[in-house]
């Protein structure tokens, strides 16, 4: 173990913040679905990578600006998320049953992506990848900065909706006591479709951020499951800001671990946190 230079250490921390913002953005929709709809939606990861591939296809082949692809990706993911919620709601699935269903759907989407784009890694070459800001000796890649800004903006917006709007109060009331909420006239079915679609739309935005900042392959989405689950559990189910803060903590911890030791030790951080949370507070898994 050797301590890196202060410049390298600071750059590693900055990289951890950017990675953690992406963890938090991916975890936001997963945590809201789990905490407010009682659905453990593993298809969230498949939707994110499907969005990344669609962004890649439209940008690399169709020459569309990657950010403009959001105009088609967000409505598509909203529709897919709402459709999946219709299925889970139609058959009154328990959280564990929804986990099994969405795991199967995740495999189906993976097979679809392999059929269309093969299993080979793809990298989107865009003009954003070449753009960097400089802060003293530190470099801030534009795709990572956009990811951080998007994660903060979306998390704060969701927090404000849940806290200050009638829709947010209705969603929280339904999650707390569904029969009483229904007795007061809350349309849980409509709100459920809206929330499920929004969670998948957020996954679509995260997918575009992934396409802009890293290479993609269909099987790569499984590598994100553990660390995003850790961010969700650490941040709190149904929380808007928790997954972002937890994701940044995990991202910085991983980056510092890689800088001080070796990259192979990085996964130890997220999985150790996940195990400790499950052991210390098993009641958080509902």
C-alpha atoms as a PDB file:
ATOM      1  CA  UNK A   1       0.000   0.000   0.000  1.00  0.00           C
ATOM      2  CA  UNK A   2       1.381   3.414  -0.989  1.00  0.00           C
ATOM      3  CA  UNK A   3      -0.183   6.824  -0.529  1.00  0.00           C
ATOM      4  CA  UNK A   4      -0.494   8.696  -3.862  1.00  0.00           C
ATOM      5  CA  UNK A   5       0.432  12.323  -4.428  1.00  0.00           C
ATOM      6  CA  UNK A   6      -2.071  14.889  -3.196  1.00  0.00           C
ATOM      7  CA  UNK A   7      -2.983  15.790  -6.777  1.00  0.00           C
ATOM      8  CA  UNK A   8      -3.690  12.174  -7.658  1.00  0.00           C
ATOM      9  CA  UNK A   9      -5.583  11.722  -4.405  1.00  0.00           C
ATOM     10  CA  UNK A  10      -7.755  14.787  -5.066  1.00  0.00           C
ATOM     11  CA  UNK A  11      -8.391  13.647  -8.653  1.00  0.00           C
ATOM     12  CA  UNK A  12      -9.399  10.236  -7.304  1.00  0.00           C
ATOM     13  CA  UNK A  13     -11.844  11.819  -4.859  1.00  0.00           C
ATOM     14  CA  UNK A  14     -13.294  13.907  -7.673  1.00  0.00           C
ATOM     15  CA  UNK A  15     -13.678  10.815  -9.846  1.00  0.00           C
ATOM     16  CA  UNK A  16     -15.398   9.101  -6.926  1.00  0.00           C
ATOM     17  CA  UNK A  17     -17.878  11.960  -6.648  1.00  0.00           C
ATOM     18  CA  UNK A  18     -18.719  11.645 -10.348  1.00  0.00           C
ATOM     19  CA  UNK A  19     -19.089   7.850 -10.126  1.00  0.00           C
ATOM     20  CA  UNK A  20     -21.171   8.202  -6.966  1.00  0.00           C
ATOM     21  CA  UNK A  21     -23.506  10.646  -8.696  1.00  0.00           C
ATOM     22  CA  UNK A  22     -24.209   7.991 -11.330  1.00  0.00           C
ATOM     23  CA  UNK A  23     -24.787   5.394  -8.606  1.00  0.00           C
ATOM     24  CA  UNK A  24     -27.226   7.775  -6.963  1.00  0.00           C
ATOM     25  CA  UNK A  25     -29.041   8.544 -10.210  1.00  0.00           C
ATOM     26  CA  UNK A  26     -29.483   4.836 -10.916  1.00  0.00           C
ATOM     27  CA  UNK A  27     -30.477   4.176  -7.312  1.00  0.00           C
ATOM     28  CA  UNK A  28     -33.054   6.962  -7.186  1.00  0.00           C
ATOM     29  CA  UNK A  29     -35.651   5.207  -9.328  1.00  0.00           C
ATOM     30  CA  UNK A  30     -34.912   1.815  -7.774  1.00  0.00           C
ATOM     31  CA  UNK A  31     -35.302   3.184  -4.247  1.00  0.00           C
ATOM     32  CA  UNK A  32     -38.528   5.046  -5.017  1.00  0.00           C
ATOM     33  CA  UNK A  33     -40.059   1.969  -6.634  1.00  0.00           C
ATOM     34  CA  UNK A  34     -39.006  -0.225  -3.732  1.00  0.00           C
ATOM     35  CA  UNK A  35     -39.960   2.170  -0.979  1.00  0.00           C
ATOM     36  CA  UNK A  36     -43.211   3.622  -2.331  1.00  0.00           C
ATOM     37  CA  UNK A  37     -44.543   0.886  -4.627  1.00  0.00           C
ATOM     38  CA  UNK A  38     -43.106  -2.146  -2.806  1.00  0.00           C
ATOM     39  CA  UNK A  39     -41.658  -3.386  -6.101  1.00  0.00           C
ATOM     40  CA  UNK A  40     -38.023  -4.488  -6.300  1.00  0.00           C
ATOM     41  CA  UNK A  41     -37.494  -3.623  -9.937  1.00  0.00           C
ATOM     42  CA  UNK A  42     -34.287  -5.187 -11.278  1.00  0.00           C
ATOM     43  CA  UNK A  43     -35.449  -4.278 -14.778  1.00  0.00           C
ATOM     44  CA  UNK A  44     -34.384  -0.768 -13.776  1.00  0.00           C
ATOM     45  CA  UNK A  45     -30.806  -1.737 -14.700  1.00  0.00           C
ATOM     46  CA  UNK A  46     -31.900  -3.288 -17.993  1.00  0.00           C
ATOM     47  CA  UNK A  47     -33.827  -0.149 -18.915  1.00  0.00           C
ATOM     48  CA  UNK A  48     -30.762   1.975 -18.151  1.00  0.00           C
ATOM     49  CA  UNK A  49     -28.502  -0.072 -20.430  1.00  0.00           C
ATOM     50  CA  UNK A  50     -31.165  -0.346 -23.114  1.00  0.00           C
ATOM     51  CA  UNK A  51     -31.298   3.462 -23.046  1.00  0.00           C
ATOM     52  CA  UNK A  52     -27.511   3.585 -23.283  1.00  0.00           C
ATOM     53  CA  UNK A  53     -27.609   1.398 -26.395  1.00  0.00           C
ATOM     54  CA  UNK A  54     -30.396   3.421 -27.970  1.00  0.00           C
ATOM     55  CA  UNK A  55     -28.366   6.579 -27.313  1.00  0.00           C
ATOM     56  CA  UNK A  56     -25.332   4.888 -28.872  1.00  0.00           C
ATOM     57  CA  UNK A  57     -27.295   3.798 -31.936  1.00  0.00           C
ATOM     58  CA  UNK A  58     -28.917   7.167 -32.552  1.00  0.00           C
ATOM     59  CA  UNK A  59     -25.684   9.085 -31.971  1.00  0.00           C
ATOM     60  CA  UNK A  60     -23.109   6.827 -33.632  1.00  0.00           C
ATOM     61  CA  UNK A  61     -25.242   5.794 -36.600  1.00  0.00           C
ATOM     62  CA  UNK A  62     -27.932   8.464 -36.835  1.00  0.00           C
ATOM     63  CA  UNK A  63     -25.552  11.327 -35.933  1.00  0.00           C
ATOM     64  CA  UNK A  64     -28.030  12.688 -33.372  1.00  0.00           C
ATOM     65  CA  UNK A  65     -26.632  14.693 -30.469  1.00  0.00           C
ATOM     66  CA  UNK A  66     -26.573  12.358 -27.409  1.00  0.00           C
ATOM     67  CA  UNK A  67     -28.495  14.832 -25.294  1.00  0.00           C
ATOM     68  CA  UNK A  68     -31.230  15.129 -27.934  1.00  0.00           C
ATOM     69  CA  UNK A  69     -31.810  11.368 -27.754  1.00  0.00           C
ATOM     70  CA  UNK A  70     -33.407  11.988 -24.359  1.00  0.00           C
ATOM     71  CA  UNK A  71     -36.461  13.360 -26.211  1.00  0.00           C
ATOM     72  CA  UNK A  72     -37.241   9.834 -27.398  1.00  0.00           C
ATOM     73  CA  UNK A  73     -35.660   7.749 -24.643  1.00  0.00           C
ATOM     74  CA  UNK A  74     -37.465   9.348 -21.696  1.00  0.00           C
ATOM     75  CA  UNK A  75     -41.034   8.799 -23.052  1.00  0.00           C
ATOM     76  CA  UNK A  76     -40.133   5.260 -24.162  1.00  0.00           C
ATOM     77  CA  UNK A  77     -38.777   4.310 -20.730  1.00  0.00           C
ATOM     78  CA  UNK A  78     -41.788   5.933 -19.070  1.00  0.00           C
ATOM     79  CA  UNK A  79     -44.089   3.741 -21.165  1.00  0.00           C
ATOM     80  CA  UNK A  80     -42.071   0.579 -20.457  1.00  0.00           C
ATOM     81  CA  UNK A  81     -42.026   1.301 -16.726  1.00  0.00           C
ATOM     82  CA  UNK A  82     -45.760   1.939 -16.624  1.00  0.00           C
ATOM     83  CA  UNK A  83     -46.405  -1.250 -18.592  1.00  0.00           C
ATOM     84  CA  UNK A  84     -44.288  -3.314 -16.208  1.00  0.00           C
ATOM     85  CA  UNK A  85     -46.129  -1.785 -13.249  1.00  0.00           C
ATOM     86  CA  UNK A  86     -49.436  -2.781 -14.838  1.00  0.00           C
ATOM     87  CA  UNK A  87     -48.199  -6.366 -14.859  1.00  0.00           C
ATOM     88  CA  UNK A  88     -47.075  -6.371 -11.220  1.00  0.00           C
ATOM     89  CA  UNK A  89     -50.231  -4.571 -10.124  1.00  0.00           C
ATOM     90  CA  UNK A  90     -52.522  -6.824 -12.157  1.00  0.00           C
ATOM     91  CA  UNK A  91     -51.280  -9.951 -10.399  1.00  0.00           C
ATOM     92  CA  UNK A  92     -50.767  -8.319  -6.966  1.00  0.00           C
ATOM     93  CA  UNK A  93     -47.164  -9.444  -6.741  1.00  0.00           C
ATOM     94  CA  UNK A  94     -45.305  -9.352  -3.440  1.00  0.00           C
ATOM     95  CA  UNK A  95     -41.888  -7.619  -3.302  1.00  0.00           C
ATOM     96  CA  UNK A  96     -40.137 -10.995  -3.531  1.00  0.00           C
ATOM     97  CA  UNK A  97     -42.298 -12.074  -6.477  1.00  0.00           C
ATOM     98  CA  UNK A  98     -41.589  -8.760  -8.214  1.00  0.00           C
ATOM     99  CA  UNK A  99     -37.872  -9.414  -7.684  1.00  0.00           C
ATOM    100  CA  UNK A 100     -38.172 -12.759  -9.489  1.00  0.00           C
ATOM    101  CA  UNK A 101     -40.314 -11.314 -12.283  1.00  0.00           C
ATOM    102  CA  UNK A 102     -38.047  -8.363 -12.970  1.00  0.00           C
ATOM    103  CA  UNK A 103     -34.939 -10.564 -12.794  1.00  0.00           C
ATOM    104  CA  UNK A 104     -36.448 -12.640 -15.596  1.00  0.00           C
ATOM    105  CA  UNK A 105     -37.341  -9.494 -17.538  1.00  0.00           C
ATOM    106  CA  UNK A 106     -33.778  -8.291 -17.027  1.00  0.00           C
ATOM    107  CA  UNK A 107     -32.491 -11.447 -18.721  1.00  0.00           C
ATOM    108  CA  UNK A 108     -34.918 -10.983 -21.608  1.00  0.00           C
ATOM    109  CA  UNK A 109     -33.745  -7.415 -22.213  1.00  0.00           C
ATOM    110  CA  UNK A 110     -30.112  -8.547 -22.005  1.00  0.00           C
ATOM    111  CA  UNK A 111     -30.760 -11.186 -24.683  1.00  0.00           C
ATOM    112  CA  UNK A 112     -32.479  -8.573 -26.836  1.00  0.00           C
ATOM    113  CA  UNK A 113     -29.487  -6.242 -26.558  1.00  0.00           C
ATOM    114  CA  UNK A 114     -27.058  -9.054 -27.398  1.00  0.00           C
ATOM    115  CA  UNK A 115     -29.135  -9.974 -30.447  1.00  0.00           C
ATOM    116  CA  UNK A 116     -29.212  -6.422 -31.766  1.00  0.00           C
ATOM    117  CA  UNK A 117     -25.794  -5.111 -30.702  1.00  0.00           C
ATOM    118  CA  UNK A 118     -23.859  -8.343 -29.901  1.00  0.00           C
ATOM    119  CA  UNK A 119     -21.984  -8.916 -26.643  1.00  0.00           C
ATOM    120  CA  UNK A 120     -18.965  -6.862 -27.704  1.00  0.00           C
ATOM    121  CA  UNK A 121     -18.302  -3.663 -25.742  1.00  0.00           C
ATOM    122  CA  UNK A 122     -19.320  -0.432 -27.472  1.00  0.00           C
ATOM    123  CA  UNK A 123     -18.014   3.075 -26.820  1.00  0.00           C
ATOM    124  CA  UNK A 124     -19.829   6.203 -27.900  1.00  0.00           C
ATOM    125  CA  UNK A 125     -17.393   8.695 -29.406  1.00  0.00           C
ATOM    126  CA  UNK A 126     -18.986  12.107 -28.986  1.00  0.00           C
ATOM    127  CA  UNK A 127     -17.669  15.629 -28.894  1.00  0.00           C
ATOM    128  CA  UNK A 128     -18.591  15.777 -25.209  1.00  0.00           C
ATOM    129  CA  UNK A 129     -15.943  13.145 -24.405  1.00  0.00           C
ATOM    130  CA  UNK A 130     -13.199  15.477 -25.590  1.00  0.00           C
ATOM    131  CA  UNK A 131     -14.360  18.427 -23.481  1.00  0.00           C
ATOM    132  CA  UNK A 132     -12.804  19.011 -20.069  1.00  0.00           C
ATOM    133  CA  UNK A 133     -12.798  21.789 -17.502  1.00  0.00           C
ATOM    134  CA  UNK A 134      -9.654  22.511 -15.539  1.00  0.00           C
ATOM    135  CA  UNK A 135      -9.684  23.407 -11.844  1.00  0.00           C
ATOM    136  CA  UNK A 136      -6.089  24.047 -10.897  1.00  0.00           C
ATOM    137  CA  UNK A 137      -4.255  20.736 -11.402  1.00  0.00           C
ATOM    138  CA  UNK A 138      -7.545  18.823 -11.566  1.00  0.00           C
ATOM    139  CA  UNK A 139      -9.535  17.862 -14.658  1.00  0.00           C
ATOM    140  CA  UNK A 140     -13.329  17.737 -14.827  1.00  0.00           C
ATOM    141  CA  UNK A 141     -14.629  15.771 -17.858  1.00  0.00           C
ATOM    142  CA  UNK A 142     -17.796  17.328 -19.234  1.00  0.00           C
ATOM    143  CA  UNK A 143     -19.834  14.044 -19.382  1.00  0.00           C
ATOM    144  CA  UNK A 144     -19.143  13.393 -15.691  1.00  0.00           C
ATOM    145  CA  UNK A 145     -19.985  16.983 -14.781  1.00  0.00           C
ATOM    146  CA  UNK A 146     -23.279  16.713 -16.668  1.00  0.00           C
ATOM    147  CA  UNK A 147     -24.031  13.466 -14.829  1.00  0.00           C
ATOM    148  CA  UNK A 148     -23.404  15.128 -11.472  1.00  0.00           C
ATOM    149  CA  UNK A 149     -25.584  18.121 -12.342  1.00  0.00           C
ATOM    150  CA  UNK A 150     -28.374  15.869 -13.635  1.00  0.00           C
ATOM    151  CA  UNK A 151     -28.248  13.672 -10.529  1.00  0.00           C
ATOM    152  CA  UNK A 152     -28.399  16.655  -8.175  1.00  0.00           C
ATOM    153  CA  UNK A 153     -31.144  18.421 -10.140  1.00  0.00           C
ATOM    154  CA  UNK A 154     -33.356  15.341 -10.474  1.00  0.00           C
ATOM    155  CA  UNK A 155     -32.873  14.290  -6.850  1.00  0.00           C
ATOM    156  CA  UNK A 156     -33.736  17.755  -5.549  1.00  0.00           C
ATOM    157  CA  UNK A 157     -36.750  17.985  -7.880  1.00  0.00           C
ATOM    158  CA  UNK A 158     -38.070  14.598  -6.715  1.00  0.00           C
ATOM    159  CA  UNK A 159     -37.489  15.587  -3.077  1.00  0.00           C
ATOM    160  CA  UNK A 160     -39.455  18.808  -3.591  1.00  0.00           C
ATOM    161  CA  UNK A 161     -42.329  16.956  -5.289  1.00  0.00           C
ATOM    162  CA  UNK A 162     -42.546  14.360  -2.514  1.00  0.00           C
ATOM    163  CA  UNK A 163     -42.380  16.962   0.223  1.00  0.00           C
ATOM    164  CA  UNK A 164     -44.423  19.901  -1.044  1.00  0.00           C
ATOM    165  CA  UNK A 165     -46.958  18.690  -3.623  1.00  0.00           C
ATOM    166  CA  UNK A 166     -50.265  16.901  -3.200  1.00  0.00           C
ATOM    167  CA  UNK A 167     -49.017  14.124  -5.469  1.00  0.00           C
ATOM    168  CA  UNK A 168     -45.964  13.553  -3.284  1.00  0.00           C
ATOM    169  CA  UNK A 169     -48.032  13.515  -0.113  1.00  0.00           C
ATOM    170  CA  UNK A 170     -50.461  11.062  -1.727  1.00  0.00           C
ATOM    171  CA  UNK A 171     -47.622   8.744  -2.732  1.00  0.00           C
ATOM    172  CA  UNK A 172     -46.143   8.790   0.757  1.00  0.00           C
ATOM    173  CA  UNK A 173     -49.548   8.249   2.327  1.00  0.00           C
ATOM    174  CA  UNK A 174     -50.265   5.258   0.088  1.00  0.00           C
ATOM    175  CA  UNK A 175     -46.900   3.722   0.956  1.00  0.00           C
ATOM    176  CA  UNK A 176     -47.543   4.231   4.667  1.00  0.00           C
ATOM    177  CA  UNK A 177     -51.128   2.932   4.823  1.00  0.00           C
ATOM    178  CA  UNK A 178     -52.777   2.078   1.506  1.00  0.00           C
ATOM    179  CA  UNK A 179     -56.325   1.313   2.816  1.00  0.00           C
ATOM    180  CA  UNK A 180     -56.568   4.587   4.739  1.00  0.00           C
ATOM    181  CA  UNK A 181     -55.180   6.534   1.769  1.00  0.00           C
ATOM    182  CA  UNK A 182     -57.756   4.941  -0.517  1.00  0.00           C
ATOM    183  CA  UNK A 183     -60.499   5.810   1.960  1.00  0.00           C
ATOM    184  CA  UNK A 184     -59.534   9.477   1.620  1.00  0.00           C
ATOM    185  CA  UNK A 185     -59.969   9.311  -2.148  1.00  0.00           C
ATOM    186  CA  UNK A 186     -56.347   8.904  -3.259  1.00  0.00           C
ATOM    187  CA  UNK A 187     -56.146   7.268  -6.680  1.00  0.00           C
ATOM    188  CA  UNK A 188     -53.394   4.782  -5.925  1.00  0.00           C
ATOM    189  CA  UNK A 189     -53.585   3.053  -9.290  1.00  0.00           C
ATOM    190  CA  UNK A 190     -53.032   6.244 -11.282  1.00  0.00           C
ATOM    191  CA  UNK A 191     -50.273   7.442  -8.949  1.00  0.00           C
ATOM    192  CA  UNK A 192     -48.582   4.050  -9.166  1.00  0.00           C
ATOM    193  CA  UNK A 193     -48.427   4.181 -12.963  1.00  0.00           C
ATOM    194  CA  UNK A 194     -47.080   7.734 -12.821  1.00  0.00           C
ATOM    195  CA  UNK A 195     -44.377   6.877 -10.273  1.00  0.00           C
ATOM    196  CA  UNK A 196     -43.333   3.655 -12.004  1.00  0.00           C
ATOM    197  CA  UNK A 197     -43.044   5.458 -15.331  1.00  0.00           C
ATOM    198  CA  UNK A 198     -41.048   8.271 -13.751  1.00  0.00           C
ATOM    199  CA  UNK A 199     -38.631   5.818 -12.121  1.00  0.00           C
ATOM    200  CA  UNK A 200     -37.980   4.142 -15.475  1.00  0.00           C
ATOM    201  CA  UNK A 201     -37.591   7.542 -17.154  1.00  0.00           C
ATOM    202  CA  UNK A 202     -34.902   8.383 -14.593  1.00  0.00           C
ATOM    203  CA  UNK A 203     -33.224   5.077 -15.497  1.00  0.00           C
ATOM    204  CA  UNK A 204     -33.300   6.237 -19.116  1.00  0.00           C
ATOM    205  CA  UNK A 205     -31.496   9.458 -18.198  1.00  0.00           C
ATOM    206  CA  UNK A 206     -28.933   7.444 -16.240  1.00  0.00           C
ATOM    207  CA  UNK A 207     -28.450   5.240 -19.308  1.00  0.00           C
ATOM    208  CA  UNK A 208     -27.578   8.229 -21.478  1.00  0.00           C
ATOM    209  CA  UNK A 209     -25.071   9.338 -18.810  1.00  0.00           C
ATOM    210  CA  UNK A 210     -23.527   5.845 -18.880  1.00  0.00           C
ATOM    211  CA  UNK A 211     -23.242   5.942 -22.676  1.00  0.00           C
ATOM    212  CA  UNK A 212     -21.524   9.328 -22.530  1.00  0.00           C
ATOM    213  CA  UNK A 213     -18.963   8.410 -19.887  1.00  0.00           C
ATOM    214  CA  UNK A 214     -18.066   4.714 -20.307  1.00  0.00           C
ATOM    215  CA  UNK A 215     -18.109   1.716 -22.608  1.00  0.00           C
ATOM    216  CA  UNK A 216     -21.201  -0.497 -22.552  1.00  0.00           C
ATOM    217  CA  UNK A 217     -21.957  -4.187 -22.971  1.00  0.00           C
ATOM    218  CA  UNK A 218     -25.157  -6.104 -22.172  1.00  0.00           C
ATOM    219  CA  UNK A 219     -23.698  -8.151 -19.316  1.00  0.00           C
ATOM    220  CA  UNK A 220     -22.116  -5.080 -17.740  1.00  0.00           C
ATOM    221  CA  UNK A 221     -25.409  -4.120 -16.080  1.00  0.00           C
ATOM    222  CA  UNK A 222     -25.032  -6.958 -13.562  1.00  0.00           C
ATOM    223  CA  UNK A 223     -21.865  -5.333 -12.235  1.00  0.00           C
ATOM    224  CA  UNK A 224     -23.927  -2.303 -11.177  1.00  0.00           C
ATOM    225  CA  UNK A 225     -26.490  -4.223  -9.136  1.00  0.00           C
ATOM    226  CA  UNK A 226     -24.469  -4.635  -5.935  1.00  0.00           C
ATOM    227  CA  UNK A 227     -23.160  -1.088  -5.673  1.00  0.00           C
ATOM    228  CA  UNK A 228     -26.510   0.521  -6.542  1.00  0.00           C
ATOM    229  CA  UNK A 229     -28.323  -1.714  -4.064  1.00  0.00           C
ATOM    230  CA  UNK A 230     -25.807  -0.618  -1.433  1.00  0.00           C
ATOM    231  CA  UNK A 231     -26.494   3.050  -2.258  1.00  0.00           C
ATOM    232  CA  UNK A 232     -30.253   2.490  -2.016  1.00  0.00           C
ATOM    233  CA  UNK A 233     -30.043   0.614   1.283  1.00  0.00           C
ATOM    234  CA  UNK A 234     -27.613   3.121   2.780  1.00  0.00           C
ATOM    235  CA  UNK A 235     -29.616   6.103   1.523  1.00  0.00           C
ATOM    236  CA  UNK A 236     -33.004   4.743   2.538  1.00  0.00           C
ATOM    237  CA  UNK A 237     -35.921   3.204   0.653  1.00  0.00           C
ATOM    238  CA  UNK A 238     -38.214   5.836  -0.829  1.00  0.00           C
ATOM    239  CA  UNK A 239     -35.710   8.621  -0.185  1.00  0.00           C
ATOM    240  CA  UNK A 240     -35.014  11.206  -2.886  1.00  0.00           C
ATOM    241  CA  UNK A 241     -31.695  12.589  -1.665  1.00  0.00           C
ATOM    242  CA  UNK A 242     -30.418   9.569   0.276  1.00  0.00           C
ATOM    243  CA  UNK A 243     -29.256   7.430  -2.680  1.00  0.00           C
ATOM    244  CA  UNK A 244     -27.305  10.354  -4.151  1.00  0.00           C
ATOM    245  CA  UNK A 245     -25.480  11.078  -0.900  1.00  0.00           C
ATOM    246  CA  UNK A 246     -24.874   7.386  -0.252  1.00  0.00           C
ATOM    247  CA  UNK A 247     -23.721   6.868  -3.834  1.00  0.00           C
ATOM    248  CA  UNK A 248     -21.155   9.650  -3.489  1.00  0.00           C
ATOM    249  CA  UNK A 249     -19.892   8.167  -0.219  1.00  0.00           C
ATOM    250  CA  UNK A 250     -19.498   4.762  -1.889  1.00  0.00           C
ATOM    251  CA  UNK A 251     -17.976   6.245  -5.044  1.00  0.00           C
ATOM    252  CA  UNK A 252     -15.372   8.238  -3.123  1.00  0.00           C
ATOM    253  CA  UNK A 253     -14.592   5.223  -0.921  1.00  0.00           C
ATOM    254  CA  UNK A 254     -14.048   3.049  -3.989  1.00  0.00           C
ATOM    255  CA  UNK A 255     -11.907   5.666  -5.723  1.00  0.00           C
ATOM    256  CA  UNK A 256      -9.710   6.205  -2.671  1.00  0.00           C
ATOM    257  CA  UNK A 257      -9.373   2.446  -2.232  1.00  0.00           C
ATOM    258  CA  UNK A 258      -8.226   2.079  -5.835  1.00  0.00           C
ATOM    259  CA  UNK A 259      -5.779   4.963  -5.457  1.00  0.00           C
ATOM    260  CA  UNK A 260      -4.260   3.621  -2.243  1.00  0.00           C
ATOM    261  CA  UNK A 261      -4.323  -0.120  -2.957  1.00  0.00           C
ATOM    262  CA  UNK A 262      -5.439  -1.673  -6.261  1.00  0.00           C
ATOM    263  CA  UNK A 263      -8.611  -1.614  -8.413  1.00  0.00           C
ATOM    264  CA  UNK A 264      -9.436  -5.202  -7.453  1.00  0.00           C
ATOM    265  CA  UNK A 265     -10.203  -4.034  -3.904  1.00  0.00           C
ATOM    266  CA  UNK A 266     -12.821  -1.468  -4.950  1.00  0.00           C
ATOM    267  CA  UNK A 267     -15.854  -3.826  -4.997  1.00  0.00           C
ATOM    268  CA  UNK A 268     -15.039  -4.746  -1.411  1.00  0.00           C
ATOM    269  CA  UNK A 269     -16.252  -1.312  -0.308  1.00  0.00           C
ATOM    270  CA  UNK A 270     -19.796  -1.444  -1.701  1.00  0.00           C
ATOM    271  CA  UNK A 271     -20.446  -5.090  -0.861  1.00  0.00           C
ATOM    272  CA  UNK A 272     -19.070  -4.705   2.669  1.00  0.00           C
ATOM    273  CA  UNK A 273     -21.355  -1.710   3.232  1.00  0.00           C
ATOM    274  CA  UNK A 274     -24.327  -3.657   1.859  1.00  0.00           C
ATOM    275  CA  UNK A 275     -23.659  -6.643   4.133  1.00  0.00           C
ATOM    276  CA  UNK A 276     -23.173  -4.427   7.195  1.00  0.00           C
ATOM    277  CA  UNK A 277     -26.438  -2.587   6.497  1.00  0.00           C
ATOM    278  CA  UNK A 278     -28.357  -5.842   6.086  1.00  0.00           C
ATOM    279  CA  UNK A 279     -26.890  -7.220   9.307  1.00  0.00           C
ATOM    280  CA  UNK A 280     -27.366  -4.043  11.347  1.00  0.00           C
ATOM    281  CA  UNK A 281     -30.779  -2.973  10.044  1.00  0.00           C
ATOM    282  CA  UNK A 282     -32.549  -5.932   8.415  1.00  0.00           C
ATOM    283  CA  UNK A 283     -35.904  -4.181   8.914  1.00  0.00           C
ATOM    284  CA  UNK A 284     -35.055  -1.766   6.122  1.00  0.00           C
ATOM    285  CA  UNK A 285     -35.663  -4.539   3.597  1.00  0.00           C
ATOM    286  CA  UNK A 286     -39.440  -4.737   3.256  1.00  0.00           C
END
